Amino acid sequence: MYDLSPGPYVIVSMSGGPTRYSNLFEPPFPSPGFGQIRFSRGGKLMGVGYHPAYSVAGDDAVTVAGVLTCKYPKRK
């Protein structure tokens, strides 16, 4: 488990649009944020969540959450 505030960062790009959201971008007002990256036992899945992730301009935000399947190179 890795906390995302402060520390590793997440950048999300919405399909069909140029807007990117990240825990790196800060709005012009105080806004606490929190989130984590977590790997399942055995490393087969990775979950990520962060709230709120702001746009570069800091005028829009989203909550990011999802799970990915990890694919590792085959051992030789």
C-alpha atoms as a PDB file:
ATOM      1  CA  MET A   1       0.000   0.000   0.000  1.00  0.00           C
ATOM      2  CA  TYR A   2       1.306   3.449  -0.955  1.00  0.00           C
ATOM      3  CA  ASP A   3      -0.278   6.700   0.220  1.00  0.00           C
ATOM      4  CA  LEU A   4      -0.607   9.339  -2.504  1.00  0.00           C
ATOM      5  CA  SER A   5      -0.436  12.431  -0.331  1.00  0.00           C
ATOM      6  CA  PRO A   6       2.427  13.359  -0.601  1.00  0.00           C
ATOM      7  CA  GLY A   7       4.360  10.808  -2.576  1.00  0.00           C
ATOM      8  CA  PRO A   8       3.723   8.882  -5.771  1.00  0.00           C
ATOM      9  CA  TYR A   9       1.437  10.606  -8.223  1.00  0.00           C
ATOM     10  CA  VAL A  10      -1.402   9.665 -10.541  1.00  0.00           C
ATOM     11  CA  ILE A  11      -2.272  11.401 -13.831  1.00  0.00           C
ATOM     12  CA  VAL A  12      -5.573  10.581 -15.542  1.00  0.00           C
ATOM     13  CA  SER A  13      -6.466  11.607 -19.103  1.00  0.00           C
ATOM     14  CA  MET A  14     -10.101  11.391 -20.119  1.00  0.00           C
ATOM     15  CA  SER A  15     -10.624   9.737 -23.502  1.00  0.00           C
ATOM     16  CA  GLY A  16     -11.779  12.155 -26.166  1.00  0.00           C
ATOM     17  CA  GLY A  17     -10.426  15.233 -24.401  1.00  0.00           C
ATOM     18  CA  PRO A  18      -7.194  17.033 -23.604  1.00  0.00           C
ATOM     19  CA  THR A  19      -7.972  17.569 -19.893  1.00  0.00           C
ATOM     20  CA  ARG A  20      -5.659  15.791 -17.470  1.00  0.00           C
ATOM     21  CA  TYR A  21      -6.344  15.350 -13.753  1.00  0.00           C
ATOM     22  CA  SER A  22      -3.727  14.609 -11.107  1.00  0.00           C
ATOM     23  CA  ASN A  23      -2.883  14.759  -7.427  1.00  0.00           C
ATOM     24  CA  LEU A  24       0.076  16.924  -8.555  1.00  0.00           C
ATOM     25  CA  PHE A  25      -2.181  19.830  -9.593  1.00  0.00           C
ATOM     26  CA  GLU A  26      -3.351  22.202  -6.849  1.00  0.00           C
ATOM     27  CA  PRO A  27      -6.330  24.562  -6.878  1.00  0.00           C
ATOM     28  CA  PRO A  28      -5.949  28.231  -5.823  1.00  0.00           C
ATOM     29  CA  PHE A  29      -7.682  27.437  -2.498  1.00  0.00           C
ATOM     30  CA  PRO A  30      -6.942  25.000   0.346  1.00  0.00           C
ATOM     31  CA  SER A  31      -8.097  21.483  -0.505  1.00  0.00           C
ATOM     32  CA  PRO A  32      -6.957  18.383   1.393  1.00  0.00           C
ATOM     33  CA  GLY A  33      -6.523  15.292  -0.715  1.00  0.00           C
ATOM     34  CA  PHE A  34      -6.025  11.616  -0.011  1.00  0.00           C
ATOM     35  CA  GLY A  35      -5.595   8.363  -1.863  1.00  0.00           C
ATOM     36  CA  GLN A  36      -3.716   5.103  -2.170  1.00  0.00           C
ATOM     37  CA  ILE A  37      -2.203   2.627  -4.581  1.00  0.00           C
ATOM     38  CA  ARG A  38      -2.571  -0.952  -3.377  1.00  0.00           C
ATOM     39  CA  PHE A  39      -1.424  -4.288  -4.812  1.00  0.00           C
ATOM     40  CA  SER A  40      -3.287  -7.538  -4.134  1.00  0.00           C
ATOM     41  CA  ARG A  41      -1.504 -10.478  -2.610  1.00  0.00           C
ATOM     42  CA  GLY A  42       0.509 -12.141  -5.317  1.00  0.00           C
ATOM     43  CA  GLY A  43       0.634  -8.901  -7.329  1.00  0.00           C
ATOM     44  CA  LYS A  44      -2.117  -9.841  -9.812  1.00  0.00           C
ATOM     45  CA  LEU A  45      -4.179  -6.650  -9.309  1.00  0.00           C
ATOM     46  CA  MET A  46      -3.385  -3.011  -8.606  1.00  0.00           C
ATOM     47  CA  GLY A  47      -6.024  -0.646  -7.233  1.00  0.00           C
ATOM     48  CA  VAL A  48      -5.760   3.133  -7.223  1.00  0.00           C
ATOM     49  CA  GLY A  49      -7.967   5.839  -5.796  1.00  0.00           C
ATOM     50  CA  TYR A  50      -7.547   9.575  -5.187  1.00  0.00           C
ATOM     51  CA  HIS A  51      -9.883  12.395  -4.173  1.00  0.00           C
ATOM     52  CA  PRO A  52      -9.913  15.090  -5.454  1.00  0.00           C
ATOM     53  CA  ALA A  53      -7.684  15.096  -8.544  1.00  0.00           C
ATOM     54  CA  TYR A  54      -7.638  18.581 -10.098  1.00  0.00           C
ATOM     55  CA  SER A  55      -7.126  19.788 -13.653  1.00  0.00           C
ATOM     56  CA  VAL A  56      -3.960  21.762 -14.489  1.00  0.00           C
ATOM     57  CA  ALA A  57      -5.844  25.064 -14.044  1.00  0.00           C
ATOM     58  CA  GLY A  58      -7.320  23.907 -10.718  1.00  0.00           C
ATOM     59  CA  ASP A  59     -10.846  24.824 -11.825  1.00  0.00           C
ATOM     60  CA  ASP A  60     -12.203  21.263 -12.252  1.00  0.00           C
ATOM     61  CA  ALA A  61     -11.803  18.056 -10.239  1.00  0.00           C
ATOM     62  CA  VAL A  62     -12.679  14.366 -10.335  1.00  0.00           C
ATOM     63  CA  THR A  63     -12.472  11.399  -7.990  1.00  0.00           C
ATOM     64  CA  VAL A  64     -10.300   8.676  -9.496  1.00  0.00           C
ATOM     65  CA  ALA A  65     -10.794   4.988  -8.637  1.00  0.00           C
ATOM     66  CA  GLY A  66     -10.082   1.778 -10.494  1.00  0.00           C
ATOM     67  CA  VAL A  67      -8.409  -1.613 -10.637  1.00  0.00           C
ATOM     68  CA  LEU A  68      -5.879  -2.851 -13.181  1.00  0.00           C
ATOM     69  CA  THR A  69      -4.651  -6.354 -13.988  1.00  0.00           C
ATOM     70  CA  CYS A  70      -0.860  -6.546 -13.706  1.00  0.00           C
ATOM     71  CA  LYS A  71       0.986  -8.257 -16.537  1.00  0.00           C
ATOM     72  CA  TYR A  72       4.566  -9.315 -15.955  1.00  0.00           C
ATOM     73  CA  PRO A  73       7.120 -10.476 -18.541  1.00  0.00           C
ATOM     74  CA  LYS A  74       7.476 -14.252 -18.738  1.00  0.00           C
ATOM     75  CA  ARG A  75      10.520 -15.642 -17.001  1.00  0.00           C
ATOM     76  CA  LYS A  76      13.087 -17.285 -19.233  1.00  0.00           C
END
